[in-house]
Amino acid sequence: MPFYLRKSFRLGPLRLNLSKRGVGVSGGVTGARIGIDATGREYVHAGRRGLYYRAFGPRVATNGGTLLVWIVGAALAALAVLSLLTR
């Protein structure tokens, strides 16, 4: 079983995930998230209390995929800010 390190920064419902391959972004609530990893793959992650499910979709970006990640991240950040302002 290979080891890995994960570092992420939370900004409300938005999470920036750092890895050796780059930056990924995800959004959601406790127990359910959707996102794009650093390689450009879409994913859905759900679960709590030890039982988890993660499914990957098609690769939405190849070379230069970090630009797409930043665009999606900016859109998710804008939604997070709007949700905080409307409380």
N, C-alpha and C. Protein backbone atom coordinates (compact mmCIF):
# COMPACT_ATOMS: atom_id res chain seq x y z
N MET A 1 0.85 -1.17 0.00
CA MET A 1 0.00 0.00 0.00
C MET A 1 0.89 1.24 0.00
N PRO A 2 0.83 2.04 -1.06
CA PRO A 2 1.68 3.23 -1.12
C PRO A 2 1.19 4.32 -0.16
N PHE A 3 2.13 5.09 0.32
CA PHE A 3 1.82 6.20 1.21
C PHE A 3 1.74 7.48 0.40
N TYR A 4 0.96 8.43 0.89
CA TYR A 4 0.87 9.73 0.23
C TYR A 4 0.55 10.78 1.27
N LEU A 5 0.87 12.01 0.94
CA LEU A 5 0.56 13.15 1.79
C LEU A 5 -0.52 13.98 1.10
N ARG A 6 -1.43 14.51 1.89
CA ARG A 6 -2.48 15.35 1.34
C ARG A 6 -2.52 16.64 2.14
N LYS A 7 -2.55 17.74 1.44
CA LYS A 7 -2.68 19.03 2.08
C LYS A 7 -3.81 19.77 1.39
N SER A 8 -4.71 20.31 2.19
CA SER A 8 -5.82 21.05 1.60
C SER A 8 -6.11 22.29 2.43
N PHE A 9 -6.69 23.26 1.78
CA PHE A 9 -7.09 24.50 2.42
C PHE A 9 -8.58 24.67 2.21
N ARG A 10 -9.30 24.94 3.28
CA ARG A 10 -10.76 25.09 3.20
C ARG A 10 -11.14 26.55 3.17
N LEU A 11 -12.06 26.87 2.29
CA LEU A 11 -12.63 28.21 2.18
C LEU A 11 -14.14 28.05 2.10
N GLY A 12 -14.78 27.86 3.25
CA GLY A 12 -16.21 27.57 3.27
C GLY A 12 -16.46 26.21 2.66
N PRO A 13 -17.37 26.11 1.70
CA PRO A 13 -17.63 24.82 1.07
C PRO A 13 -16.59 24.44 0.01
N LEU A 14 -15.65 25.33 -0.27
CA LEU A 14 -14.62 25.11 -1.27
C LEU A 14 -13.37 24.55 -0.61
N ARG A 15 -12.69 23.62 -1.28
CA ARG A 15 -11.45 23.06 -0.77
C ARG A 15 -10.43 23.02 -1.90
N LEU A 16 -9.25 23.61 -1.68
CA LEU A 16 -8.13 23.52 -2.61
C LEU A 16 -7.25 22.38 -2.12
N ASN A 17 -6.99 21.40 -2.98
CA ASN A 17 -6.23 20.21 -2.63
C ASN A 17 -4.87 20.28 -3.32
N LEU A 18 -3.80 20.23 -2.55
CA LEU A 18 -2.44 20.30 -3.09
C LEU A 18 -1.85 18.90 -3.13
N SER A 19 -1.19 18.58 -4.23
CA SER A 19 -0.50 17.30 -4.36
C SER A 19 0.76 17.52 -5.18
N LYS A 20 1.55 16.47 -5.34
CA LYS A 20 2.77 16.63 -6.12
C LYS A 20 2.48 16.83 -7.60
N ARG A 21 1.27 16.52 -8.04
CA ARG A 21 0.89 16.72 -9.44
C ARG A 21 0.30 18.09 -9.72
N GLY A 22 -0.05 18.83 -8.68
CA GLY A 22 -0.62 20.16 -8.90
C GLY A 22 -1.70 20.49 -7.90
N VAL A 23 -2.63 21.31 -8.34
CA VAL A 23 -3.71 21.79 -7.48
C VAL A 23 -5.04 21.27 -8.01
N GLY A 24 -5.85 20.74 -7.11
CA GLY A 24 -7.20 20.32 -7.44
C GLY A 24 -8.18 21.18 -6.66
N VAL A 25 -9.43 21.09 -7.02
CA VAL A 25 -10.44 21.88 -6.34
C VAL A 25 -11.70 21.03 -6.18
N SER A 26 -12.37 21.20 -5.04
CA SER A 26 -13.62 20.49 -4.83
C SER A 26 -14.55 21.36 -4.02
N GLY A 27 -15.81 21.02 -4.09
CA GLY A 27 -16.82 21.77 -3.35
C GLY A 27 -17.89 20.83 -2.85
N GLY A 28 -18.51 21.20 -1.74
CA GLY A 28 -19.57 20.38 -1.21
C GLY A 28 -19.75 20.60 0.28
N VAL A 29 -20.39 19.65 0.89
CA VAL A 29 -20.68 19.70 2.32
C VAL A 29 -20.09 18.46 2.96
N THR A 30 -20.16 18.39 4.28
CA THR A 30 -19.66 17.22 4.98
C THR A 30 -20.37 15.97 4.48
N GLY A 31 -19.60 15.03 4.00
CA GLY A 31 -20.17 13.78 3.53
C GLY A 31 -20.40 13.68 2.03
N ALA A 32 -20.31 14.80 1.30
CA ALA A 32 -20.54 14.76 -0.15
C ALA A 32 -19.76 15.89 -0.83
N ARG A 33 -18.92 15.53 -1.80
CA ARG A 33 -18.13 16.52 -2.52
C ARG A 33 -18.05 16.14 -4.00
N ILE A 34 -17.93 17.15 -4.85
CA ILE A 34 -17.61 16.95 -6.25
C ILE A 34 -16.40 17.80 -6.54
N GLY A 35 -15.60 17.39 -7.50
CA GLY A 35 -14.42 18.18 -7.78
C GLY A 35 -13.66 17.72 -9.00
N ILE A 36 -12.53 18.37 -9.21
CA ILE A 36 -11.58 18.04 -10.27
C ILE A 36 -10.23 17.89 -9.60
N ASP A 37 -9.57 16.74 -9.81
CA ASP A 37 -8.27 16.55 -9.18
C ASP A 37 -7.18 17.25 -9.99
N ALA A 38 -5.94 17.16 -9.53
CA ALA A 38 -4.84 17.89 -10.15
C ALA A 38 -4.54 17.42 -11.56
N THR A 39 -4.97 16.22 -11.92
CA THR A 39 -4.72 15.72 -13.27
C THR A 39 -5.87 16.01 -14.23
N GLY A 40 -6.95 16.64 -13.74
CA GLY A 40 -8.06 17.01 -14.60
C GLY A 40 -9.22 16.04 -14.60
N ARG A 41 -9.22 15.05 -13.72
CA ARG A 41 -10.33 14.10 -13.66
C ARG A 41 -11.42 14.60 -12.74
N GLU A 42 -12.67 14.49 -13.19
CA GLU A 42 -13.81 14.82 -12.34
C GLU A 42 -14.01 13.67 -11.36
N TYR A 43 -14.49 13.99 -10.16
CA TYR A 43 -14.80 12.92 -9.22
C TYR A 43 -15.95 13.31 -8.31
N VAL A 44 -16.57 12.27 -7.76
CA VAL A 44 -17.62 12.41 -6.76
C VAL A 44 -17.17 11.60 -5.55
N HIS A 45 -17.24 12.21 -4.38
CA HIS A 45 -16.81 11.53 -3.16
C HIS A 45 -17.90 11.69 -2.12
N ALA A 46 -18.29 10.58 -1.50
CA ALA A 46 -19.35 10.63 -0.49
C ALA A 46 -19.07 9.60 0.59
N GLY A 47 -19.54 9.88 1.76
CA GLY A 47 -19.43 8.91 2.84
C GLY A 47 -19.16 9.56 4.18
N ARG A 48 -19.38 8.77 5.22
CA ARG A 48 -19.15 9.21 6.59
C ARG A 48 -18.89 8.00 7.47
N ARG A 49 -18.24 8.24 8.56
CA ARG A 49 -18.04 7.23 9.60
C ARG A 49 -17.41 5.93 9.11
N GLY A 50 -16.43 6.04 8.24
CA GLY A 50 -15.68 4.86 7.82
C GLY A 50 -16.12 4.22 6.52
N LEU A 51 -17.28 4.54 6.00
CA LEU A 51 -17.74 3.97 4.74
C LEU A 51 -17.78 5.08 3.70
N TYR A 52 -16.95 4.94 2.65
CA TYR A 52 -16.80 5.99 1.65
C TYR A 52 -16.95 5.45 0.25
N TYR A 53 -17.35 6.32 -0.66
CA TYR A 53 -17.48 5.99 -2.07
C TYR A 53 -16.81 7.09 -2.88
N ARG A 54 -15.99 6.71 -3.85
CA ARG A 54 -15.37 7.68 -4.73
C ARG A 54 -15.40 7.14 -6.15
N ALA A 55 -15.92 7.93 -7.07
CA ALA A 55 -15.99 7.55 -8.47
C ALA A 55 -15.38 8.65 -9.32
N PHE A 56 -14.62 8.24 -10.31
CA PHE A 56 -13.98 9.19 -11.22
C PHE A 56 -14.73 9.22 -12.54
N GLY A 57 -14.86 10.41 -13.09
CA GLY A 57 -15.47 10.59 -14.40
C GLY A 57 -14.38 10.71 -15.44
N PRO A 58 -14.72 11.20 -16.62
CA PRO A 58 -13.72 11.36 -17.68
C PRO A 58 -12.76 12.50 -17.36
N ARG A 59 -11.61 12.44 -17.99
CA ARG A 59 -10.63 13.51 -17.82
C ARG A 59 -11.13 14.73 -18.57
N VAL A 60 -11.35 15.83 -17.85
CA VAL A 60 -11.88 17.04 -18.48
C VAL A 60 -10.78 17.95 -18.99
N ALA A 61 -9.56 17.65 -18.62
CA ALA A 61 -8.43 18.45 -19.08
C ALA A 61 -7.20 17.58 -19.16
N THR A 62 -6.33 17.86 -20.12
CA THR A 62 -5.07 17.14 -20.21
C THR A 62 -3.97 18.15 -19.95
N ASN A 63 -3.03 18.29 -20.81
CA ASN A 63 -1.95 19.26 -20.60
C ASN A 63 -2.54 20.65 -20.44
N GLY A 64 -2.09 21.35 -19.44
CA GLY A 64 -2.66 22.66 -19.15
C GLY A 64 -3.94 22.55 -18.36
N GLY A 65 -4.18 21.41 -17.76
CA GLY A 65 -5.40 21.20 -17.00
C GLY A 65 -5.50 22.07 -15.76
N THR A 66 -4.37 22.58 -15.29
CA THR A 66 -4.43 23.42 -14.10
C THR A 66 -5.20 24.71 -14.38
N LEU A 67 -5.20 25.18 -15.61
CA LEU A 67 -5.99 26.37 -15.95
C LEU A 67 -7.47 26.08 -15.74
N LEU A 68 -7.93 24.92 -16.19
CA LEU A 68 -9.32 24.55 -15.99
C LEU A 68 -9.64 24.41 -14.51
N VAL A 69 -8.73 23.84 -13.75
CA VAL A 69 -8.93 23.71 -12.31
C VAL A 69 -9.08 25.08 -11.67
N TRP A 70 -8.26 26.03 -12.07
CA TRP A 70 -8.36 27.38 -11.50
C TRP A 70 -9.67 28.06 -11.91
N ILE A 71 -10.14 27.83 -13.13
CA ILE A 71 -11.41 28.41 -13.57
C ILE A 71 -12.56 27.83 -12.76
N VAL A 72 -12.58 26.52 -12.61
CA VAL A 72 -13.63 25.88 -11.82
C VAL A 72 -13.51 26.32 -10.36
N GLY A 73 -12.29 26.43 -9.86
CA GLY A 73 -12.08 26.90 -8.50
C GLY A 73 -12.60 28.30 -8.28
N ALA A 74 -12.37 29.17 -9.25
CA ALA A 74 -12.87 30.54 -9.14
C ALA A 74 -14.39 30.57 -9.14
N ALA A 75 -15.01 29.72 -9.96
CA ALA A 75 -16.47 29.66 -9.99
C ALA A 75 -17.02 29.14 -8.66
N LEU A 76 -16.39 28.10 -8.11
CA LEU A 76 -16.83 27.58 -6.82
C LEU A 76 -16.60 28.61 -5.70
N ALA A 77 -15.50 29.35 -5.78
CA ALA A 77 -15.23 30.38 -4.77
C ALA A 77 -16.28 31.48 -4.85
N ALA A 78 -16.65 31.87 -6.05
CA ALA A 78 -17.68 32.90 -6.20
C ALA A 78 -19.00 32.42 -5.60
N LEU A 79 -19.35 31.15 -5.84
CA LEU A 79 -20.57 30.60 -5.24
C LEU A 79 -20.49 30.56 -3.73
N ALA A 80 -19.30 30.24 -3.19
CA ALA A 80 -19.13 30.20 -1.75
C ALA A 80 -19.30 31.59 -1.14
N VAL A 81 -18.73 32.60 -1.78
CA VAL A 81 -18.85 33.97 -1.30
C VAL A 81 -20.31 34.43 -1.35
N LEU A 82 -20.98 34.12 -2.45
CA LEU A 82 -22.39 34.49 -2.57
C LEU A 82 -23.24 33.81 -1.51
N SER A 83 -22.94 32.55 -1.20
CA SER A 83 -23.74 31.87 -0.18
C SER A 83 -23.47 32.46 1.20
N LEU A 84 -22.25 32.91 1.46
CA LEU A 84 -21.95 33.55 2.74
C LEU A 84 -22.60 34.92 2.86
N LEU A 85 -22.68 35.64 1.75
CA LEU A 85 -23.28 36.99 1.76
C LEU A 85 -24.80 36.96 1.89
N THR A 86 -25.42 35.86 1.46
CA THR A 86 -26.87 35.79 1.51
C THR A 86 -27.41 35.21 2.82
N ARG A 87 -26.56 34.94 3.77
CA ARG A 87 -27.00 34.40 5.06
C ARG A 87 -27.62 35.47 5.89
